[in-house]
Amino acid sequence: MYVWARMARMIATASSRGPYVMGGESRLAFRCLPTDIDYNVHLNNARYMMLADLGRIDIFLRSGLLRLARKKAWAPMMGGLQSVYVREIRLWRCFEVVSSIESWEGTQVIGKHRFVLDSGETAALIMTNAGIYDRANRRFVDMGEVVAALETSVQPRPLTEPERLFMTSHRRLRDLAKAGD
């Protein structure tokens, strides 16, 4: 089942998982298929990113963000990510992608995707940095405005030390990329 079939399944089952509440988790179950593996017969690194995308889309769909983004001509956009792999996901192994919005500062949102084996062990962790881009006004939207537009009153929690280090590293790497232009 390639990405489109997995996405169709995620969309079709979204209502059964209920609305996404900020601070909660999205849990999507998968099995490592032959189309997912590399020559080491385990989930290839690109597939981790694609499955994390599905976790984010599930959050966007169930939180109402996709509907709001269409209405306001906003676009959720990835800024970057960092991933670590600690255990392999072998062919035919069942696992879950557990996705969450961790916190935010200004226009930047930190997300987390844990790949959890059927044994309960974490196989990989991906931290993401993203934002909501307002195409009409050519700016990133402050997350306080997004939260208010979603008609919720959740507040961001202070960033943890690993999250702050991730944001600093992301900012420096972004500056490096821009300097290369």
N, C-alpha and C. Protein backbone atom coordinates (compact mmCIF):
# COMPACT_ATOMS: atom_id res chain seq x y z
N MET A 1 0.85 -1.16 0.00
CA MET A 1 0.00 0.00 0.00
C MET A 1 0.90 1.23 0.00
N TYR A 2 0.95 1.95 -1.07
CA TYR A 2 1.81 3.11 -1.21
C TYR A 2 1.19 4.32 -0.49
N VAL A 3 1.82 5.45 -0.55
CA VAL A 3 1.42 6.63 0.22
C VAL A 3 -0.04 7.03 -0.03
N TRP A 4 -0.52 6.98 -1.26
CA TRP A 4 -1.88 7.45 -1.53
C TRP A 4 -2.92 6.55 -0.88
N ALA A 5 -2.69 5.27 -0.91
CA ALA A 5 -3.62 4.34 -0.26
C ALA A 5 -3.58 4.53 1.26
N ARG A 6 -2.39 4.72 1.79
CA ARG A 6 -2.29 4.96 3.23
C ARG A 6 -2.95 6.28 3.61
N MET A 7 -2.80 7.30 2.77
CA MET A 7 -3.45 8.58 3.04
C MET A 7 -4.96 8.43 2.98
N ALA A 8 -5.46 7.71 1.98
CA ALA A 8 -6.91 7.50 1.86
C ALA A 8 -7.45 6.78 3.09
N ARG A 9 -6.71 5.78 3.58
CA ARG A 9 -7.14 5.06 4.79
C ARG A 9 -7.14 6.00 5.99
N MET A 10 -6.11 6.85 6.11
CA MET A 10 -6.04 7.78 7.24
C MET A 10 -7.21 8.75 7.20
N ILE A 11 -7.52 9.28 6.02
CA ILE A 11 -8.64 10.23 5.89
C ILE A 11 -9.97 9.54 6.19
N ALA A 12 -10.15 8.34 5.65
CA ALA A 12 -11.40 7.61 5.85
C ALA A 12 -11.64 7.24 7.31
N THR A 13 -10.58 7.08 8.08
CA THR A 13 -10.73 6.67 9.48
C THR A 13 -10.57 7.83 10.47
N ALA A 14 -10.36 9.04 9.97
CA ALA A 14 -10.09 10.19 10.86
C ALA A 14 -11.22 10.41 11.86
N SER A 15 -12.46 10.35 11.42
CA SER A 15 -13.58 10.63 12.34
C SER A 15 -13.65 9.59 13.46
N SER A 16 -13.22 8.37 13.20
CA SER A 16 -13.26 7.34 14.26
C SER A 16 -12.22 7.62 15.34
N ARG A 17 -11.20 8.42 15.03
CA ARG A 17 -10.19 8.77 16.03
C ARG A 17 -10.59 10.03 16.80
N GLY A 18 -11.67 10.69 16.41
CA GLY A 18 -12.16 11.87 17.12
C GLY A 18 -11.33 13.11 16.82
N PRO A 19 -11.74 14.25 17.34
CA PRO A 19 -11.01 15.48 17.07
C PRO A 19 -9.64 15.48 17.74
N TYR A 20 -8.68 16.11 17.08
CA TYR A 20 -7.36 16.26 17.68
C TYR A 20 -7.41 17.44 18.64
N VAL A 21 -6.95 17.22 19.85
CA VAL A 21 -6.88 18.27 20.87
C VAL A 21 -5.41 18.63 21.04
N MET A 22 -5.10 19.94 20.97
CA MET A 22 -3.72 20.38 21.14
C MET A 22 -3.14 19.77 22.41
N GLY A 23 -1.96 19.23 22.30
CA GLY A 23 -1.32 18.55 23.42
C GLY A 23 -1.58 17.04 23.39
N GLY A 24 -2.48 16.62 22.51
CA GLY A 24 -2.78 15.19 22.39
C GLY A 24 -1.87 14.52 21.38
N GLU A 25 -2.24 13.30 21.01
CA GLU A 25 -1.45 12.53 20.06
C GLU A 25 -2.32 12.02 18.92
N SER A 26 -1.70 11.89 17.77
CA SER A 26 -2.27 11.16 16.64
C SER A 26 -1.55 9.83 16.60
N ARG A 27 -2.30 8.74 16.52
CA ARG A 27 -1.69 7.41 16.46
C ARG A 27 -2.18 6.72 15.19
N LEU A 28 -1.23 6.42 14.32
CA LEU A 28 -1.55 5.73 13.07
C LEU A 28 -0.78 4.41 13.03
N ALA A 29 -1.47 3.32 12.76
CA ALA A 29 -0.86 1.99 12.73
C ALA A 29 -0.46 1.62 11.30
N PHE A 30 0.72 1.01 11.17
CA PHE A 30 1.24 0.59 9.88
C PHE A 30 1.93 -0.75 10.01
N ARG A 31 2.22 -1.34 8.87
CA ARG A 31 3.06 -2.53 8.75
C ARG A 31 4.12 -2.20 7.71
N CYS A 32 5.36 -2.59 7.96
CA CYS A 32 6.44 -2.36 7.01
C CYS A 32 6.26 -3.29 5.81
N LEU A 33 6.00 -2.73 4.66
CA LEU A 33 5.70 -3.48 3.45
C LEU A 33 6.91 -3.56 2.52
N PRO A 34 6.88 -4.46 1.55
CA PRO A 34 8.00 -4.55 0.60
C PRO A 34 8.30 -3.23 -0.13
N THR A 35 7.30 -2.40 -0.33
CA THR A 35 7.53 -1.10 -0.99
C THR A 35 8.18 -0.08 -0.06
N ASP A 36 8.33 -0.41 1.22
CA ASP A 36 8.90 0.49 2.22
C ASP A 36 10.38 0.24 2.50
N ILE A 37 10.92 -0.85 2.03
CA ILE A 37 12.24 -1.28 2.50
C ILE A 37 13.37 -0.86 1.56
N ASP A 38 14.57 -0.86 2.13
CA ASP A 38 15.79 -0.65 1.35
C ASP A 38 16.54 -1.98 1.27
N TYR A 39 17.77 -1.95 0.81
CA TYR A 39 18.52 -3.19 0.62
C TYR A 39 18.89 -3.87 1.94
N ASN A 40 18.71 -3.20 3.07
CA ASN A 40 18.92 -3.82 4.38
C ASN A 40 17.65 -4.51 4.89
N VAL A 41 16.61 -4.51 4.08
CA VAL A 41 15.32 -5.14 4.38
C VAL A 41 14.67 -4.52 5.62
N HIS A 42 14.83 -3.21 5.76
CA HIS A 42 14.12 -2.49 6.81
C HIS A 42 13.59 -1.16 6.23
N LEU A 43 12.71 -0.53 6.99
CA LEU A 43 12.08 0.72 6.56
C LEU A 43 13.15 1.71 6.14
N ASN A 44 13.05 2.23 4.92
CA ASN A 44 14.09 3.16 4.45
C ASN A 44 13.87 4.55 5.03
N ASN A 45 14.93 5.32 5.08
CA ASN A 45 14.87 6.62 5.76
C ASN A 45 13.87 7.58 5.13
N ALA A 46 13.66 7.53 3.82
CA ALA A 46 12.68 8.42 3.18
C ALA A 46 11.26 8.07 3.59
N ARG A 47 10.99 6.80 3.81
CA ARG A 47 9.63 6.38 4.19
C ARG A 47 9.27 6.90 5.58
N TYR A 48 10.25 7.03 6.47
CA TYR A 48 9.96 7.62 7.78
C TYR A 48 9.36 9.01 7.60
N MET A 49 9.95 9.81 6.72
CA MET A 49 9.47 11.18 6.50
C MET A 49 8.05 11.19 5.93
N MET A 50 7.80 10.29 4.98
CA MET A 50 6.47 10.22 4.37
C MET A 50 5.42 9.82 5.41
N LEU A 51 5.74 8.87 6.27
CA LEU A 51 4.78 8.45 7.29
C LEU A 51 4.59 9.54 8.35
N ALA A 52 5.64 10.29 8.65
CA ALA A 52 5.49 11.44 9.56
C ALA A 52 4.56 12.48 8.92
N ASP A 53 4.66 12.66 7.59
CA ASP A 53 3.73 13.56 6.89
C ASP A 53 2.29 13.15 7.15
N LEU A 54 2.01 11.85 7.08
CA LEU A 54 0.65 11.38 7.33
C LEU A 54 0.20 11.70 8.75
N GLY A 55 1.11 11.59 9.70
CA GLY A 55 0.78 11.95 11.08
C GLY A 55 0.42 13.43 11.20
N ARG A 56 1.19 14.28 10.51
CA ARG A 56 0.89 15.72 10.53
C ARG A 56 -0.43 16.01 9.85
N ILE A 57 -0.66 15.39 8.71
CA ILE A 57 -1.92 15.62 7.99
C ILE A 57 -3.10 15.17 8.84
N ASP A 58 -2.95 14.06 9.56
CA ASP A 58 -4.01 13.61 10.46
C ASP A 58 -4.31 14.67 11.52
N ILE A 59 -3.26 15.26 12.09
CA ILE A 59 -3.46 16.32 13.08
C ILE A 59 -4.14 17.52 12.43
N PHE A 60 -3.68 17.93 11.26
CA PHE A 60 -4.26 19.09 10.57
C PHE A 60 -5.74 18.84 10.26
N LEU A 61 -6.07 17.65 9.81
CA LEU A 61 -7.44 17.31 9.45
C LEU A 61 -8.34 17.27 10.68
N ARG A 62 -7.91 16.54 11.71
CA ARG A 62 -8.75 16.35 12.89
C ARG A 62 -8.83 17.58 13.79
N SER A 63 -7.88 18.51 13.69
CA SER A 63 -7.93 19.73 14.50
C SER A 63 -8.77 20.82 13.84
N GLY A 64 -9.09 20.64 12.56
CA GLY A 64 -9.82 21.67 11.81
C GLY A 64 -8.89 22.62 11.08
N LEU A 65 -7.58 22.41 11.20
CA LEU A 65 -6.63 23.32 10.56
C LEU A 65 -6.72 23.28 9.04
N LEU A 66 -6.93 22.12 8.44
CA LEU A 66 -7.02 22.05 6.97
C LEU A 66 -8.20 22.86 6.45
N ARG A 67 -9.34 22.72 7.11
CA ARG A 67 -10.54 23.48 6.71
C ARG A 67 -10.28 24.99 6.87
N LEU A 68 -9.68 25.37 7.99
CA LEU A 68 -9.36 26.78 8.25
C LEU A 68 -8.34 27.30 7.24
N ALA A 69 -7.35 26.50 6.92
CA ALA A 69 -6.31 26.92 5.97
C ALA A 69 -6.92 27.17 4.59
N ARG A 70 -7.83 26.32 4.16
CA ARG A 70 -8.50 26.55 2.87
C ARG A 70 -9.30 27.84 2.89
N LYS A 71 -10.01 28.06 3.96
CA LYS A 71 -10.86 29.25 4.10
C LYS A 71 -10.04 30.54 4.07
N LYS A 72 -8.87 30.53 4.71
CA LYS A 72 -8.06 31.74 4.85
C LYS A 72 -6.90 31.82 3.86
N ALA A 73 -6.79 30.84 2.96
CA ALA A 73 -5.67 30.77 2.01
C ALA A 73 -4.33 30.67 2.74
N TRP A 74 -4.33 29.88 3.82
CA TRP A 74 -3.11 29.60 4.56
C TRP A 74 -2.54 28.27 4.09
N ALA A 75 -1.26 28.09 4.28
CA ALA A 75 -0.61 26.84 3.91
C ALA A 75 0.32 26.37 5.02
N PRO A 76 0.05 25.20 5.61
CA PRO A 76 1.01 24.64 6.57
C PRO A 76 2.30 24.31 5.81
N MET A 77 3.44 24.74 6.34
CA MET A 77 4.72 24.51 5.67
C MET A 77 5.77 24.02 6.64
N MET A 78 6.50 23.01 6.21
CA MET A 78 7.62 22.49 6.99
C MET A 78 8.81 23.44 6.88
N GLY A 79 9.49 23.64 7.99
CA GLY A 79 10.72 24.42 7.98
C GLY A 79 11.94 23.52 7.98
N GLY A 80 11.83 22.41 8.69
CA GLY A 80 12.94 21.47 8.75
C GLY A 80 12.64 20.38 9.75
N LEU A 81 13.55 19.44 9.83
CA LEU A 81 13.37 18.33 10.76
C LEU A 81 14.71 17.74 11.14
N GLN A 82 14.68 17.00 12.21
CA GLN A 82 15.84 16.23 12.66
C GLN A 82 15.33 14.86 13.03
N SER A 83 16.02 13.83 12.58
CA SER A 83 15.58 12.47 12.88
C SER A 83 16.71 11.65 13.46
N VAL A 84 16.33 10.73 14.33
CA VAL A 84 17.26 9.75 14.87
C VAL A 84 16.60 8.38 14.77
N TYR A 85 17.43 7.38 14.44
CA TYR A 85 16.97 6.01 14.30
C TYR A 85 17.68 5.18 15.36
N VAL A 86 16.92 4.51 16.21
CA VAL A 86 17.53 3.76 17.30
C VAL A 86 17.28 2.25 17.20
N ARG A 87 16.25 1.85 16.47
CA ARG A 87 15.96 0.43 16.23
C ARG A 87 15.39 0.31 14.83
N GLU A 88 15.71 -0.76 14.14
CA GLU A 88 15.19 -0.91 12.79
C GLU A 88 13.76 -1.43 12.80
N ILE A 89 13.05 -1.07 11.75
CA ILE A 89 11.71 -1.61 11.52
C ILE A 89 11.85 -2.57 10.34
N ARG A 90 11.84 -3.85 10.63
CA ARG A 90 12.07 -4.89 9.62
C ARG A 90 10.80 -5.13 8.80
N LEU A 91 10.99 -5.73 7.64
CA LEU A 91 9.89 -6.09 6.75
C LEU A 91 8.81 -6.86 7.51
N TRP A 92 7.56 -6.48 7.30
CA TRP A 92 6.34 -7.06 7.87
C TRP A 92 6.10 -6.68 9.33
N ARG A 93 6.99 -5.94 9.95
CA ARG A 93 6.83 -5.56 11.36
C ARG A 93 5.72 -4.51 11.49
N CYS A 94 4.89 -4.65 12.49
CA CYS A 94 3.84 -3.65 12.79
C CYS A 94 4.44 -2.56 13.68
N PHE A 95 3.96 -1.33 13.47
CA PHE A 95 4.43 -0.19 14.27
C PHE A 95 3.39 0.91 14.19
N GLU A 96 3.53 1.87 15.07
CA GLU A 96 2.67 3.05 15.07
C GLU A 96 3.52 4.29 14.88
N VAL A 97 2.93 5.29 14.23
CA VAL A 97 3.52 6.62 14.19
C VAL A 97 2.69 7.46 15.15
N VAL A 98 3.33 7.93 16.21
CA VAL A 98 2.66 8.72 17.24
C VAL A 98 3.13 10.17 17.04
N SER A 99 2.21 11.01 16.58
CA SER A 99 2.55 12.40 16.22
C SER A 99 1.89 13.36 17.19
N SER A 100 2.56 14.48 17.43
CA SER A 100 2.00 15.49 18.34
C SER A 100 2.56 16.87 18.01
N ILE A 101 1.78 17.87 18.38
CA ILE A 101 2.26 19.24 18.38
C ILE A 101 2.76 19.46 19.80
N GLU A 102 4.05 19.73 19.93
CA GLU A 102 4.66 19.83 21.26
C GLU A 102 4.48 21.22 21.86
N SER A 103 4.82 22.25 21.10
CA SER A 103 4.70 23.63 21.58
C SER A 103 4.97 24.57 20.42
N TRP A 104 4.98 25.85 20.70
CA TRP A 104 5.27 26.83 19.66
C TRP A 104 5.77 28.12 20.27
N GLU A 105 6.49 28.86 19.44
CA GLU A 105 6.97 30.20 19.80
C GLU A 105 6.73 31.09 18.59
N GLY A 106 5.96 32.13 18.76
CA GLY A 106 5.71 33.04 17.64
C GLY A 106 5.07 32.32 16.48
N THR A 107 5.77 32.26 15.37
CA THR A 107 5.23 31.63 14.16
C THR A 107 5.74 30.20 13.97
N GLN A 108 6.56 29.72 14.88
CA GLN A 108 7.18 28.40 14.70
C GLN A 108 6.58 27.36 15.64
N VAL A 109 6.24 26.22 15.05
CA VAL A 109 5.63 25.11 15.78
C VAL A 109 6.61 23.95 15.83
N ILE A 110 6.71 23.32 16.98
CA ILE A 110 7.53 22.12 17.11
C ILE A 110 6.61 20.91 17.16
N GLY A 111 6.87 19.98 16.27
CA GLY A 111 6.13 18.73 16.24
C GLY A 111 7.06 17.57 16.56
N LYS A 112 6.46 16.45 16.94
CA LYS A 112 7.25 15.26 17.24
C LYS A 112 6.53 14.05 16.65
N HIS A 113 7.32 13.15 16.08
CA HIS A 113 6.80 11.89 15.53
C HIS A 113 7.65 10.76 16.10
N ARG A 114 7.02 9.88 16.87
CA ARG A 114 7.71 8.70 17.39
C ARG A 114 7.24 7.48 16.62
N PHE A 115 8.17 6.66 16.19
CA PHE A 115 7.86 5.41 15.52
C PHE A 115 7.99 4.32 16.57
N VAL A 116 6.86 3.75 16.95
CA VAL A 116 6.81 2.83 18.08
C VAL A 116 6.53 1.42 17.58
N LEU A 117 7.43 0.49 17.91
CA LEU A 117 7.27 -0.90 17.51
C LEU A 117 6.13 -1.55 18.28
N ASP A 118 5.64 -2.68 17.79
CA ASP A 118 4.56 -3.39 18.47
C ASP A 118 4.98 -3.88 19.85
N SER A 119 6.28 -3.88 20.14
CA SER A 119 6.78 -4.24 21.47
C SER A 119 6.72 -3.06 22.44
N GLY A 120 6.43 -1.86 21.92
CA GLY A 120 6.39 -0.64 22.73
C GLY A 120 7.67 0.16 22.69
N GLU A 121 8.71 -0.39 22.06
CA GLU A 121 10.00 0.31 21.96
C GLU A 121 9.95 1.37 20.86
N THR A 122 10.65 2.48 21.09
CA THR A 122 10.77 3.51 20.07
C THR A 122 11.84 3.11 19.06
N ALA A 123 11.48 3.14 17.78
CA ALA A 123 12.42 2.81 16.71
C ALA A 123 13.08 4.07 16.16
N ALA A 124 12.34 5.17 16.13
CA ALA A 124 12.87 6.42 15.59
C ALA A 124 12.10 7.59 16.18
N LEU A 125 12.73 8.75 16.14
CA LEU A 125 12.12 9.99 16.61
C LEU A 125 12.45 11.08 15.61
N ILE A 126 11.42 11.82 15.23
CA ILE A 126 11.60 12.95 14.32
C ILE A 126 11.02 14.19 14.99
N MET A 127 11.83 15.24 15.08
CA MET A 127 11.34 16.54 15.55
C MET A 127 11.22 17.44 14.33
N THR A 128 10.15 18.20 14.28
CA THR A 128 9.92 19.08 13.13
C THR A 128 9.73 20.52 13.57
N ASN A 129 10.02 21.40 12.65
CA ASN A 129 9.77 22.83 12.81
C ASN A 129 8.89 23.21 11.63
N ALA A 130 7.79 23.87 11.90
CA ALA A 130 6.85 24.22 10.83
C ALA A 130 6.17 25.54 11.15
N GLY A 131 5.39 26.01 10.21
CA GLY A 131 4.62 27.23 10.40
C GLY A 131 3.43 27.25 9.45
N ILE A 132 2.60 28.25 9.63
CA ILE A 132 1.42 28.44 8.78
C ILE A 132 1.65 29.71 7.97
N TYR A 133 1.71 29.55 6.65
CA TYR A 133 2.00 30.68 5.77
C TYR A 133 0.71 31.28 5.21
N ASP A 134 0.57 32.59 5.36
CA ASP A 134 -0.57 33.35 4.84
C ASP A 134 -0.17 33.84 3.45
N ARG A 135 -0.68 33.18 2.43
CA ARG A 135 -0.28 33.49 1.05
C ARG A 135 -0.70 34.91 0.64
N ALA A 136 -1.88 35.32 1.04
CA ALA A 136 -2.39 36.64 0.63
C ALA A 136 -1.54 37.77 1.19
N ASN A 137 -1.09 37.61 2.43
CA ASN A 137 -0.32 38.67 3.08
C ASN A 137 1.18 38.39 3.09
N ARG A 138 1.59 37.28 2.49
CA ARG A 138 3.01 36.92 2.35
C ARG A 138 3.76 37.00 3.68
N ARG A 139 3.22 36.25 4.66
CA ARG A 139 3.81 36.22 5.99
C ARG A 139 3.46 34.91 6.68
N PHE A 140 4.27 34.55 7.67
CA PHE A 140 3.91 33.42 8.51
C PHE A 140 3.00 33.95 9.62
N VAL A 141 2.00 33.17 9.95
CA VAL A 141 0.97 33.56 10.92
C VAL A 141 1.45 33.22 12.33
N ASP A 142 1.28 34.17 13.24
CA ASP A 142 1.59 33.91 14.64
C ASP A 142 0.67 32.78 15.13
N MET A 143 1.22 31.84 15.85
CA MET A 143 0.43 30.69 16.28
C MET A 143 -0.70 31.07 17.23
N GLY A 144 -0.56 32.18 17.95
CA GLY A 144 -1.67 32.65 18.78
C GLY A 144 -2.89 32.97 17.93
N GLU A 145 -2.66 33.53 16.74
CA GLU A 145 -3.75 33.83 15.81
C GLU A 145 -4.37 32.54 15.27
N VAL A 146 -3.54 31.54 14.99
CA VAL A 146 -4.04 30.26 14.49
C VAL A 146 -4.89 29.58 15.56
N VAL A 147 -4.39 29.54 16.78
CA VAL A 147 -5.12 28.90 17.88
C VAL A 147 -6.46 29.61 18.10
N ALA A 148 -6.47 30.93 18.07
CA ALA A 148 -7.72 31.68 18.24
C ALA A 148 -8.69 31.38 17.09
N ALA A 149 -8.18 31.30 15.86
CA ALA A 149 -9.04 31.01 14.70
C ALA A 149 -9.62 29.60 14.78
N LEU A 150 -8.91 28.69 15.46
CA LEU A 150 -9.42 27.33 15.67
C LEU A 150 -10.39 27.27 16.84
N GLU A 151 -10.63 28.42 17.46
CA GLU A 151 -11.56 28.56 18.58
C GLU A 151 -11.19 27.66 19.75
N THR A 152 -9.92 27.69 20.07
CA THR A 152 -9.43 26.98 21.24
C THR A 152 -8.57 27.94 22.05
N SER A 153 -8.37 27.66 23.31
CA SER A 153 -7.63 28.59 24.15
C SER A 153 -6.35 27.97 24.70
N VAL A 154 -5.87 26.91 24.09
CA VAL A 154 -4.67 26.25 24.59
C VAL A 154 -3.47 27.18 24.48
N GLN A 155 -2.60 27.10 25.47
CA GLN A 155 -1.40 27.92 25.51
C GLN A 155 -0.18 27.03 25.29
N PRO A 156 0.88 27.57 24.67
CA PRO A 156 2.08 26.75 24.50
C PRO A 156 2.78 26.56 25.85
N ARG A 157 3.39 25.42 26.00
CA ARG A 157 4.20 25.21 27.20
C ARG A 157 5.61 25.69 26.90
N PRO A 158 6.40 25.99 27.92
CA PRO A 158 7.79 26.39 27.67
C PRO A 158 8.54 25.27 26.93
N LEU A 159 9.44 25.67 26.06
CA LEU A 159 10.23 24.68 25.33
C LEU A 159 11.15 23.93 26.28
N THR A 160 11.32 22.65 26.03
CA THR A 160 12.29 21.86 26.79
C THR A 160 13.68 22.21 26.27
N GLU A 161 14.70 21.81 27.00
CA GLU A 161 16.08 22.07 26.55
C GLU A 161 16.36 21.41 25.20
N PRO A 162 15.98 20.13 24.97
CA PRO A 162 16.21 19.55 23.64
C PRO A 162 15.47 20.32 22.52
N GLU A 163 14.27 20.80 22.81
CA GLU A 163 13.52 21.56 21.81
C GLU A 163 14.21 22.90 21.51
N ARG A 164 14.71 23.55 22.55
CA ARG A 164 15.42 24.82 22.35
C ARG A 164 16.69 24.59 21.53
N LEU A 165 17.43 23.53 21.84
CA LEU A 165 18.63 23.19 21.07
C LEU A 165 18.28 22.90 19.61
N PHE A 166 17.18 22.17 19.40
CA PHE A 166 16.72 21.87 18.04
C PHE A 166 16.41 23.17 17.29
N MET A 167 15.69 24.07 17.92
CA MET A 167 15.32 25.34 17.28
C MET A 167 16.57 26.16 16.95
N THR A 168 17.54 26.19 17.85
CA THR A 168 18.79 26.93 17.61
C THR A 168 19.55 26.30 16.45
N SER A 169 19.66 24.99 16.45
CA SER A 169 20.35 24.28 15.37
C SER A 169 19.64 24.53 14.04
N HIS A 170 18.33 24.47 14.06
CA HIS A 170 17.53 24.70 12.85
C HIS A 170 17.77 26.12 12.30
N ARG A 171 17.75 27.09 13.18
CA ARG A 171 17.95 28.49 12.78
C ARG A 171 19.35 28.68 12.16
N ARG A 172 20.36 28.08 12.78
CA ARG A 172 21.73 28.20 12.25
C ARG A 172 21.90 27.51 10.91
N LEU A 173 21.31 26.34 10.77
CA LEU A 173 21.40 25.64 9.49
C LEU A 173 20.64 26.39 8.40
N ARG A 174 19.52 26.98 8.75
CA ARG A 174 18.75 27.80 7.80
C ARG A 174 19.56 29.02 7.36
N ASP A 175 20.24 29.67 8.31
CA ASP A 175 21.10 30.81 7.97
C ASP A 175 22.22 30.38 7.02
N LEU A 176 22.80 29.21 7.29
CA LEU A 176 23.85 28.67 6.44
C LEU A 176 23.34 28.42 5.01
N ALA A 177 22.15 27.84 4.91
CA ALA A 177 21.56 27.57 3.61
C ALA A 177 21.29 28.87 2.85
N LYS A 178 20.78 29.88 3.54
CA LYS A 178 20.51 31.16 2.89
C LYS A 178 21.79 31.86 2.46
N ALA A 179 22.86 31.71 3.24
CA ALA A 179 24.15 32.33 2.89
C ALA A 179 24.74 31.70 1.65
N GLY A 180 24.37 30.47 1.35
CA GLY A 180 24.88 29.78 0.17
C GLY A 180 24.24 30.22 -1.13
N ASP A 181 23.20 31.04 -1.06
CA ASP A 181 22.52 31.54 -2.27
C ASP A 181 23.38 32.47 -3.07
